[in-house]
PDB file of N, CA and C in Angstrom:
ATOM      1  N   UNK A   1      23.370 171.507  23.286  1.00  0.00           N
ATOM      2  CA  UNK A   1      23.546 170.092  23.573  1.00  0.00           C
ATOM      3  C   UNK A   1      24.931 169.635  23.137  1.00  0.00           C
ATOM      4  N   UNK A   2      25.449 168.692  23.892  1.00  0.00           N
ATOM      5  CA  UNK A   2      26.755 168.115  23.599  1.00  0.00           C
ATOM      6  C   UNK A   2      26.674 166.596  23.759  1.00  0.00           C
ATOM      7  N   UNK A   3      27.659 165.912  23.186  1.00  0.00           N
ATOM      8  CA  UNK A   3      27.805 164.475  23.402  1.00  0.00           C
ATOM      9  C   UNK A   3      28.877 164.232  24.461  1.00  0.00           C
ATOM     10  N   UNK A   4      28.647 163.198  25.260  1.00  0.00           N
ATOM     11  CA  UNK A   4      29.613 162.782  26.276  1.00  0.00           C
ATOM     12  C   UNK A   4      29.743 161.273  26.233  1.00  0.00           C
ATOM     13  N   UNK A   5      30.980 160.806  26.294  1.00  0.00           N
ATOM     14  CA  UNK A   5      31.267 159.378  26.350  1.00  0.00           C
ATOM     15  C   UNK A   5      31.515 158.978  27.794  1.00  0.00           C
ATOM     16  N   UNK A   6      30.816 157.967  28.242  1.00  0.00           N
ATOM     17  CA  UNK A   6      31.068 157.366  29.544  1.00  0.00           C
ATOM     18  C   UNK A   6      31.839 156.078  29.271  1.00  0.00           C
ATOM     19  N   UNK A   7      33.042 156.002  29.803  1.00  0.00           N
ATOM     20  CA  UNK A   7      33.925 154.875  29.553  1.00  0.00           C
ATOM     21  C   UNK A   7      34.082 154.083  30.848  1.00  0.00           C
ATOM     22  N   UNK A   8      33.751 152.803  30.765  1.00  0.00           N
ATOM     23  CA  UNK A   8      33.839 151.908  31.912  1.00  0.00           C
ATOM     24  C   UNK A   8      35.040 150.983  31.753  1.00  0.00           C
ATOM     25  N   UNK A   9      35.866 150.902  32.772  1.00  0.00           N
ATOM     26  CA  UNK A   9      36.931 149.909  32.836  1.00  0.00           C
ATOM     27  C   UNK A   9      36.417 148.775  33.712  1.00  0.00           C
ATOM     28  N   UNK A  10      36.275 147.598  33.115  1.00  0.00           N
ATOM     29  CA  UNK A  10      35.719 146.455  33.826  1.00  0.00           C
ATOM     30  C   UNK A  10      36.777 145.712  34.646  1.00  0.00           C
ATOM     31  N   UNK A  11      36.326 145.017  35.678  1.00  0.00           N
ATOM     32  CA  UNK A  11      37.190 144.083  36.407  1.00  0.00           C
ATOM     33  C   UNK A  11      37.398 142.863  35.499  1.00  0.00           C
ATOM     34  N   UNK A  12      38.469 142.096  35.710  1.00  0.00           N
ATOM     35  CA  UNK A  12      38.752 140.969  34.817  1.00  0.00           C
ATOM     36  C   UNK A  12      37.607 139.947  34.672  1.00  0.00           C
ATOM     37  N   UNK A  13      36.901 139.658  35.745  1.00  0.00           N
ATOM     38  CA  UNK A  13      35.812 138.674  35.691  1.00  0.00           C
ATOM     39  C   UNK A  13      34.435 139.339  35.571  1.00  0.00           C
ATOM     40  N   UNK A  14      34.379 140.417  34.783  1.00  0.00           N
ATOM     41  CA  UNK A  14      33.146 141.198  34.698  1.00  0.00           C
ATOM     42  C   UNK A  14      31.970 140.397  34.151  1.00  0.00           C
ATOM     43  N   UNK A  15      32.208 139.454  33.250  1.00  0.00           N
ATOM     44  CA  UNK A  15      31.095 138.695  32.676  1.00  0.00           C
ATOM     45  C   UNK A  15      30.333 137.930  33.755  1.00  0.00           C
ATOM     46  N   UNK A  16      31.057 137.324  34.677  1.00  0.00           N
ATOM     47  CA  UNK A  16      30.410 136.582  35.751  1.00  0.00           C
ATOM     48  C   UNK A  16      29.760 137.534  36.760  1.00  0.00           C
ATOM     49  N   UNK A  17      30.472 138.608  37.091  1.00  0.00           N
ATOM     50  CA  UNK A  17      29.960 139.535  38.112  1.00  0.00           C
ATOM     51  C   UNK A  17      28.737 140.313  37.642  1.00  0.00           C
ATOM     52  N   UNK A  18      28.635 140.571  36.353  1.00  0.00           N
ATOM     53  CA  UNK A  18      27.527 141.399  35.874  1.00  0.00           C
ATOM     54  C   UNK A  18      26.206 140.642  35.782  1.00  0.00           C
ATOM     55  N   UNK A  19      26.270 139.323  35.689  1.00  0.00           N
ATOM     56  CA  UNK A  19      25.068 138.527  35.430  1.00  0.00           C
ATOM     57  C   UNK A  19      23.900 138.865  36.360  1.00  0.00           C
ATOM     58  N   UNK A  20      24.054 138.851  37.680  1.00  0.00           N
ATOM     59  CA  UNK A  20      22.893 139.149  38.531  1.00  0.00           C
ATOM     60  C   UNK A  20      22.482 140.628  38.511  1.00  0.00           C
ATOM     61  N   UNK A  21      23.371 141.486  38.038  1.00  0.00           N
ATOM     62  CA  UNK A  21      23.113 142.928  38.042  1.00  0.00           C
ATOM     63  C   UNK A  21      22.594 143.436  36.702  1.00  0.00           C
ATOM     64  N   UNK A  22      22.676 142.605  35.677  1.00  0.00           N
ATOM     65  CA  UNK A  22      22.360 143.061  34.322  1.00  0.00           C
ATOM     66  C   UNK A  22      20.926 143.582  34.167  1.00  0.00           C
ATOM     67  N   UNK A  23      19.911 142.929  34.709  1.00  0.00           N
ATOM     68  CA  UNK A  23      18.561 143.477  34.555  1.00  0.00           C
ATOM     69  C   UNK A  23      18.426 144.907  35.102  1.00  0.00           C
ATOM     70  N   UNK A  24      18.988 145.176  36.266  1.00  0.00           N
ATOM     71  CA  UNK A  24      18.898 146.524  36.850  1.00  0.00           C
ATOM     72  C   UNK A  24      19.715 147.525  36.029  1.00  0.00           C
ATOM     73  N   UNK A  25      20.873 147.107  35.533  1.00  0.00           N
ATOM     74  CA  UNK A  25      21.697 147.975  34.691  1.00  0.00           C
ATOM     75  C   UNK A  25      20.939 148.340  33.415  1.00  0.00           C
ATOM     76  N   UNK A  26      20.340 147.341  32.769  1.00  0.00           N
ATOM     77  CA  UNK A  26      19.598 147.595  31.527  1.00  0.00           C
ATOM     78  C   UNK A  26      18.351 148.432  31.771  1.00  0.00           C
ATOM     79  N   UNK A  27      17.717 148.266  32.904  1.00  0.00           N
ATOM     80  CA  UNK A  27      16.557 149.098  33.254  1.00  0.00           C
ATOM     81  C   UNK A  27      16.978 150.563  33.382  1.00  0.00           C
ATOM     82  N   UNK A  28      18.091 150.797  34.047  1.00  0.00           N
ATOM     83  CA  UNK A  28      18.621 152.157  34.184  1.00  0.00           C
ATOM     84  C   UNK A  28      18.946 152.734  32.808  1.00  0.00           C
ATOM     85  N   UNK A  29      19.561 151.924  31.947  1.00  0.00           N
ATOM     86  CA  UNK A  29      19.927 152.377  30.604  1.00  0.00           C
ATOM     87  C   UNK A  29      18.693 152.677  29.762  1.00  0.00           C
ATOM     88  N   UNK A  30      17.703 151.833  29.840  1.00  0.00           N
ATOM     89  CA  UNK A  30      16.472 152.070  29.061  1.00  0.00           C
ATOM     90  C   UNK A  30      15.757 153.335  29.523  1.00  0.00           C
ATOM     91  N   UNK A  31      15.753 153.582  30.815  1.00  0.00           N
ATOM     92  CA  UNK A  31      15.123 154.807  31.330  1.00  0.00           C
ATOM     93  C   UNK A  31      15.876 156.040  30.836  1.00  0.00           C
ATOM     94  N   UNK A  32      17.200 155.975  30.817  1.00  0.00           N
ATOM     95  CA  UNK A  32      17.994 157.101  30.318  1.00  0.00           C
ATOM     96  C   UNK A  32      17.751 157.306  28.817  1.00  0.00           C
ATOM     97  N   UNK A  33      17.554 156.222  28.099  1.00  0.00           N
ATOM     98  CA  UNK A  33      17.257 156.317  26.668  1.00  0.00           C
ATOM     99  C   UNK A  33      15.899 156.979  26.452  1.00  0.00           C
ATOM    100  N   UNK A  34      14.912 156.568  27.226  1.00  0.00           N
ATOM    101  CA  UNK A  34      13.569 157.144  27.101  1.00  0.00           C
ATOM    102  C   UNK A  34      13.559 158.640  27.415  1.00  0.00           C
ATOM    103  N   UNK A  35      14.453 159.084  28.286  1.00  0.00           N
ATOM    104  CA  UNK A  35      14.559 160.517  28.610  1.00  0.00           C
ATOM    105  C   UNK A  35      15.355 161.283  27.561  1.00  0.00           C
ATOM    106  N   UNK A  36      15.909 160.586  26.582  1.00  0.00           N
ATOM    107  CA  UNK A  36      16.693 161.239  25.535  1.00  0.00           C
ATOM    108  C   UNK A  36      18.125 161.529  25.942  1.00  0.00           C
ATOM    109  N   UNK A  37      18.607 160.901  27.006  1.00  0.00           N
ATOM    110  CA  UNK A  37      19.968 161.145  27.496  1.00  0.00           C
ATOM    111  C   UNK A  37      20.977 160.155  26.915  1.00  0.00           C
ATOM    112  N   UNK A  38      20.641 158.888  26.893  1.00  0.00           N
ATOM    113  CA  UNK A  38      21.541 157.847  26.425  1.00  0.00           C
ATOM    114  C   UNK A  38      21.190 157.495  24.986  1.00  0.00           C
ATOM    115  N   UNK A  39      22.169 157.641  24.091  1.00  0.00           N
ATOM    116  CA  UNK A  39      21.930 157.339  22.678  1.00  0.00           C
ATOM    117  C   UNK A  39      22.366 155.927  22.311  1.00  0.00           C
ATOM    118  N   UNK A  40      23.503 155.498  22.827  1.00  0.00           N
ATOM    119  CA  UNK A  40      24.029 154.157  22.553  1.00  0.00           C
ATOM    120  C   UNK A  40      24.826 153.681  23.748  1.00  0.00           C
ATOM    121  N   UNK A  41      24.885 152.387  23.927  1.00  0.00           N
ATOM    122  CA  UNK A  41      25.705 151.844  24.999  1.00  0.00           C
ATOM    123  C   UNK A  41      26.010 150.391  24.752  1.00  0.00           C
ATOM    124  N   UNK A  42      27.171 149.954  25.196  1.00  0.00           N
ATOM    125  CA  UNK A  42      27.533 148.554  25.052  1.00  0.00           C
ATOM    126  C   UNK A  42      28.966 148.311  25.457  1.00  0.00           C
ATOM    127  N   UNK A  43      29.383 147.061  25.290  1.00  0.00           N
ATOM    128  CA  UNK A  43      30.736 146.654  25.652  1.00  0.00           C
ATOM    129  C   UNK A  43      31.613 146.567  24.414  1.00  0.00           C
ATOM    130  N   UNK A  44      32.901 146.748  24.617  1.00  0.00           N
ATOM    131  CA  UNK A  44      33.922 146.512  23.595  1.00  0.00           C
ATOM    132  C   UNK A  44      34.662 145.267  24.073  1.00  0.00           C
ATOM    133  N   UNK A  45      34.137 144.078  23.723  1.00  0.00           N
ATOM    134  CA  UNK A  45      34.584 142.847  24.358  1.00  0.00           C
ATOM    135  C   UNK A  45      35.918 142.303  23.858  1.00  0.00           C
ATOM    136  N   UNK A  46      36.316 142.630  22.671  1.00  0.00           N
ATOM    137  CA  UNK A  46      37.511 142.014  22.100  1.00  0.00           C
ATOM    138  C   UNK A  46      38.771 142.833  22.308  1.00  0.00           C
ATOM    139  N   UNK A  47      38.680 143.866  23.100  1.00  0.00           N
ATOM    140  CA  UNK A  47      39.864 144.643  23.442  1.00  0.00           C
ATOM    141  C   UNK A  47      40.495 144.006  24.676  1.00  0.00           C
ATOM    142  N   UNK A  48      41.730 144.330  24.940  1.00  0.00           N
ATOM    143  CA  UNK A  48      42.393 143.757  26.118  1.00  0.00           C
ATOM    144  C   UNK A  48      42.918 144.881  26.994  1.00  0.00           C
ATOM    145  N   UNK A  49      42.265 145.215  28.069  1.00  0.00           N
ATOM    146  CA  UNK A  49      41.071 144.558  28.612  1.00  0.00           C
ATOM    147  C   UNK A  49      39.794 145.113  27.976  1.00  0.00           C
ATOM    148  N   UNK A  50      38.699 144.357  28.056  1.00  0.00           N
ATOM    149  CA  UNK A  50      37.421 144.845  27.552  1.00  0.00           C
ATOM    150  C   UNK A  50      36.971 146.076  28.335  1.00  0.00           C
ATOM    151  N   UNK A  51      36.161 146.897  27.701  1.00  0.00           N
ATOM    152  CA  UNK A  51      35.630 148.082  28.373  1.00  0.00           C
ATOM    153  C   UNK A  51      34.229 148.375  27.868  1.00  0.00           C
ATOM    154  N   UNK A  52      33.522 149.226  28.589  1.00  0.00           N
ATOM    155  CA  UNK A  52      32.188 149.641  28.199  1.00  0.00           C
ATOM    156  C   UNK A  52      32.225 151.070  27.682  1.00  0.00           C
ATOM    157  N   UNK A  53      31.320 151.364  26.766  1.00  0.00           N
ATOM    158  CA  UNK A  53      31.259 152.692  26.170  1.00  0.00           C
ATOM    159  C   UNK A  53      29.796 153.080  26.003  1.00  0.00           C
ATOM    160  N   UNK A  54      29.427 154.212  26.589  1.00  0.00           N
ATOM    161  CA  UNK A  54      28.057 154.704  26.499  1.00  0.00           C
ATOM    162  C   UNK A  54      28.092 156.141  25.996  1.00  0.00           C
ATOM    163  N   UNK A  55      27.219 156.449  25.048  1.00  0.00           N
ATOM    164  CA  UNK A  55      27.155 157.779  24.445  1.00  0.00           C
ATOM    165  C   UNK A  55      25.935 158.522  24.978  1.00  0.00           C
ATOM    166  N   UNK A  56      26.202 159.632  25.651  1.00  0.00           N
ATOM    167  CA  UNK A  56      25.146 160.455  26.232  1.00  0.00           C
ATOM    168  C   UNK A  56      25.034 161.779  25.493  1.00  0.00           C
ATOM    169  N   UNK A  57      23.866 162.375  25.644  1.00  0.00           N
ATOM    170  CA  UNK A  57      23.594 163.699  25.084  1.00  0.00           C
ATOM    171  C   UNK A  57      23.064 164.560  26.213  1.00  0.00           C
ATOM    172  N   UNK A  58      23.656 165.759  26.393  1.00  0.00           N
ATOM    173  CA  UNK A  58      23.193 166.632  27.454  1.00  0.00           C
ATOM    174  C   UNK A  58      23.875 167.976  27.413  1.00  0.00           C
ATOM    175  N   UNK A  59      23.522 168.816  28.345  1.00  0.00           N
ATOM    176  CA  UNK A  59      24.109 170.146  28.432  1.00  0.00           C
ATOM    177  C   UNK A  59      25.480 170.115  29.106  1.00  0.00           C
ATOM    178  N   UNK A  60      25.699 169.093  29.944  1.00  0.00           N
ATOM    179  CA  UNK A  60      26.952 168.995  30.682  1.00  0.00           C
ATOM    180  C   UNK A  60      27.273 167.523  30.899  1.00  0.00           C
ATOM    181  N   UNK A  61      28.485 167.232  31.362  1.00  0.00           N
ATOM    182  CA  UNK A  61      28.832 165.835  31.627  1.00  0.00           C
ATOM    183  C   UNK A  61      28.055 165.220  32.787  1.00  0.00           C
ATOM    184  N   UNK A  62      27.333 166.026  33.523  1.00  0.00           N
ATOM    185  CA  UNK A  62      26.611 165.525  34.688  1.00  0.00           C
ATOM    186  C   UNK A  62      25.624 164.417  34.334  1.00  0.00           C
ATOM    187  N   UNK A  63      25.041 164.467  33.149  1.00  0.00           N
ATOM    188  CA  UNK A  63      24.078 163.434  32.763  1.00  0.00           C
ATOM    189  C   UNK A  63      24.758 162.055  32.761  1.00  0.00           C
ATOM    190  N   UNK A  64      25.963 161.966  32.241  1.00  0.00           N
ATOM    191  CA  UNK A  64      26.706 160.706  32.222  1.00  0.00           C
ATOM    192  C   UNK A  64      27.243 160.362  33.610  1.00  0.00           C
ATOM    193  N   UNK A  65      27.703 161.362  34.329  1.00  0.00           N
ATOM    194  CA  UNK A  65      28.231 161.136  35.679  1.00  0.00           C
ATOM    195  C   UNK A  65      27.143 160.615  36.616  1.00  0.00           C
ATOM    196  N   UNK A  66      25.956 161.189  36.532  1.00  0.00           N
ATOM    197  CA  UNK A  66      24.845 160.741  37.369  1.00  0.00           C
ATOM    198  C   UNK A  66      24.462 159.299  37.048  1.00  0.00           C
ATOM    199  N   UNK A  67      24.483 158.963  35.758  1.00  0.00           N
ATOM    200  CA  UNK A  67      24.192 157.593  35.362  1.00  0.00           C
ATOM    201  C   UNK A  67      25.198 156.639  36.001  1.00  0.00           C
ATOM    202  N   UNK A  68      26.484 156.951  35.878  1.00  0.00           N
ATOM    203  CA  UNK A  68      27.522 156.075  36.420  1.00  0.00           C
ATOM    204  C   UNK A  68      27.369 155.903  37.930  1.00  0.00           C
ATOM    205  N   UNK A  69      27.117 156.966  38.622  1.00  0.00           N
ATOM    206  CA  UNK A  69      26.993 156.883  40.091  1.00  0.00           C
ATOM    207  C   UNK A  69      25.809 156.027  40.537  1.00  0.00           C
ATOM    208  N   UNK A  70      24.782 155.929  39.685  1.00  0.00           N
ATOM    209  CA  UNK A  70      23.588 155.144  40.015  1.00  0.00           C
ATOM    210  C   UNK A  70      23.635 153.723  39.443  1.00  0.00           C
ATOM    211  N   UNK A  71      24.589 153.445  38.579  1.00  0.00           N
ATOM    212  CA  UNK A  71      24.632 152.169  37.871  1.00  0.00           C
ATOM    213  C   UNK A  71      25.050 151.020  38.796  1.00  0.00           C
ATOM    214  N   UNK A  72      24.252 149.948  38.845  1.00  0.00           N
ATOM    215  CA  UNK A  72      24.624 148.790  39.669  1.00  0.00           C
ATOM    216  C   UNK A  72      25.982 148.190  39.286  1.00  0.00           C
ATOM    217  N   UNK A  73      26.391 148.322  38.057  1.00  0.00           N
ATOM    218  CA  UNK A  73      27.717 147.834  37.657  1.00  0.00           C
ATOM    219  C   UNK A  73      28.815 148.589  38.409  1.00  0.00           C
ATOM    220  N   UNK A  74      28.606 149.864  38.627  1.00  0.00           N
ATOM    221  CA  UNK A  74      29.588 150.684  39.342  1.00  0.00           C
ATOM    222  C   UNK A  74      29.486 150.430  40.843  1.00  0.00           C
ATOM    223  N   UNK A  75      28.274 150.492  41.364  1.00  0.00           N
ATOM    224  CA  UNK A  75      28.095 150.387  42.813  1.00  0.00           C
ATOM    225  C   UNK A  75      28.387 148.992  43.362  1.00  0.00           C
ATOM    226  N   UNK A  76      28.433 147.990  42.483  1.00  0.00           N
ATOM    227  CA  UNK A  76      28.682 146.616  42.924  1.00  0.00           C
ATOM    228  C   UNK A  76      29.996 146.038  42.406  1.00  0.00           C
ATOM    229  N   UNK A  77      30.878 146.874  41.892  1.00  0.00           N
ATOM    230  CA  UNK A  77      32.227 146.425  41.581  1.00  0.00           C
ATOM    231  C   UNK A  77      32.465 145.742  40.254  1.00  0.00           C
ATOM    232  N   UNK A  78      31.525 145.789  39.331  1.00  0.00           N
ATOM    233  CA  UNK A  78      31.770 145.262  37.986  1.00  0.00           C
ATOM    234  C   UNK A  78      32.683 146.219  37.229  1.00  0.00           C
ATOM    235  N   UNK A  79      32.500 147.495  37.492  1.00  0.00           N
ATOM    236  CA  UNK A  79      33.319 148.554  36.897  1.00  0.00           C
ATOM    237  C   UNK A  79      34.347 148.984  37.941  1.00  0.00           C
ATOM    238  N   UNK A  80      35.641 148.874  37.582  1.00  0.00           N
ATOM    239  CA  UNK A  80      36.679 149.264  38.549  1.00  0.00           C
ATOM    240  C   UNK A  80      36.975 150.757  38.489  1.00  0.00           C
ATOM    241  N   UNK A  81      36.732 151.390  37.335  1.00  0.00           N
ATOM    242  CA  UNK A  81      36.878 152.842  37.223  1.00  0.00           C
ATOM    243  C   UNK A  81      36.072 153.315  36.019  1.00  0.00           C
ATOM    244  N   UNK A  82      35.737 154.591  36.035  1.00  0.00           N
ATOM    245  CA  UNK A  82      34.996 155.168  34.920  1.00  0.00           C
ATOM    246  C   UNK A  82      35.410 156.618  34.747  1.00  0.00           C
ATOM    247  N   UNK A  83      35.173 157.131  33.553  1.00  0.00           N
ATOM    248  CA  UNK A  83      35.471 158.523  33.251  1.00  0.00           C
ATOM    249  C   UNK A  83      34.524 159.003  32.156  1.00  0.00           C
ATOM    250  N   UNK A  84      34.328 160.313  32.122  1.00  0.00           N
ATOM    251  CA  UNK A  84      33.459 160.938  31.130  1.00  0.00           C
ATOM    252  C   UNK A  84      34.305 161.897  30.310  1.00  0.00           C
ATOM    253  N   UNK A  85      34.121 161.837  29.005  1.00  0.00           N
ATOM    254  CA  UNK A  85      34.842 162.727  28.100  1.00  0.00           C
ATOM    255  C   UNK A  85      33.850 163.344  27.128  1.00  0.00           C
ATOM    256  N   UNK A  86      33.994 164.638  26.888  1.00  0.00           N
ATOM    257  CA  UNK A  86      33.184 165.281  25.856  1.00  0.00           C
ATOM    258  C   UNK A  86      33.640 164.773  24.493  1.00  0.00           C
ATOM    259  N   UNK A  87      32.683 164.547  23.612  1.00  0.00           N
ATOM    260  CA  UNK A  87      32.991 164.080  22.269  1.00  0.00           C
ATOM    261  C   UNK A  87      32.355 165.058  21.287  1.00  0.00           C
ATOM    262  N   UNK A  88      33.160 165.667  20.456  1.00  0.00           N
ATOM    263  CA  UNK A  88      32.680 166.623  19.469  1.00  0.00           C
ATOM    264  C   UNK A  88      32.510 165.875  18.148  1.00  0.00           C
ATOM    265  N   UNK A  89      31.306 165.416  17.898  1.00  0.00           N
ATOM    266  CA  UNK A  89      30.990 164.714  16.657  1.00  0.00           C
ATOM    267  C   UNK A  89      30.611 165.747  15.596  1.00  0.00           C
ATOM    268  N   UNK A  90      31.265 165.672  14.443  1.00  0.00           N
ATOM    269  CA  UNK A  90      31.031 166.672  13.398  1.00  0.00           C
ATOM    270  C   UNK A  90      30.436 166.087  12.118  1.00  0.00           C
ATOM    271  N   UNK A  91      30.376 164.772  12.017  1.00  0.00           N
ATOM    272  CA  UNK A  91      29.841 164.126  10.824  1.00  0.00           C
ATOM    273  C   UNK A  91      28.815 163.086  11.252  1.00  0.00           C
ATOM    274  N   UNK A  92      27.733 163.020  10.519  1.00  0.00           N
ATOM    275  CA  UNK A  92      26.701 162.029  10.783  1.00  0.00           C
ATOM    276  C   UNK A  92      25.373 162.678  11.115  1.00  0.00           C
ATOM    277  N   UNK A  93      24.342 161.890  11.001  1.00  0.00           N
ATOM    278  CA  UNK A  93      22.990 162.381  11.223  1.00  0.00           C
ATOM    279  C   UNK A  93      22.798 163.005  12.596  1.00  0.00           C
ATOM    280  N   UNK A  94      23.390 162.415  13.619  1.00  0.00           N
ATOM    281  CA  UNK A  94      23.209 162.903  14.988  1.00  0.00           C
ATOM    282  C   UNK A  94      24.340 163.783  15.481  1.00  0.00           C
ATOM    283  N   UNK A  95      25.239 164.194  14.586  1.00  0.00           N
ATOM    284  CA  UNK A  95      26.330 165.089  14.998  1.00  0.00           C
ATOM    285  C   UNK A  95      25.733 166.392  15.522  1.00  0.00           C
ATOM    286  N   UNK A  96      26.271 166.849  16.627  1.00  0.00           N
ATOM    287  CA  UNK A  96      25.753 168.057  17.254  1.00  0.00           C
ATOM    288  C   UNK A  96      26.557 169.303  16.892  1.00  0.00           C
ATOM    289  N   UNK A  97      27.730 169.120  16.301  1.00  0.00           N
ATOM    290  CA  UNK A  97      28.556 170.238  15.864  1.00  0.00           C
ATOM    291  C   UNK A  97      28.637 170.210  14.349  1.00  0.00           C
ATOM    292  N   UNK A  98      28.075 171.177  13.719  1.00  0.00           N
ATOM    293  CA  UNK A  98      28.058 171.225  12.257  1.00  0.00           C
ATOM    294  C   UNK A  98      29.267 172.038  11.771  1.00  0.00           C
ATOM    295  N   UNK A  99      29.948 171.497  10.763  1.00  0.00           N
ATOM    296  CA  UNK A  99      31.090 172.217  10.171  1.00  0.00           C
ATOM    297  C   UNK A  99      30.874 172.388   8.690  1.00  0.00           C
TER     298      UNK A  99
END
């Protein structure tokens, strides 16, 4: 198992655009959490520009990529771009790489 970060770059007016899509986005996120794929997710609102960050656990980045491709935020233009990066966590209760 590995950790993967899904990073969302939002459009400038994302707060307004996400409102009607938020229930479906959260439903998708909760389902991924129940499957043990999504560990944490949320926005980094005070950065310029704000962005979203979701932490996934899986064998490959596909778990995060599949989530992004199905996410109403992505398919409806709240997210202007996204990327997945492997994250090697070595400290903490849920770290997957022990040193």
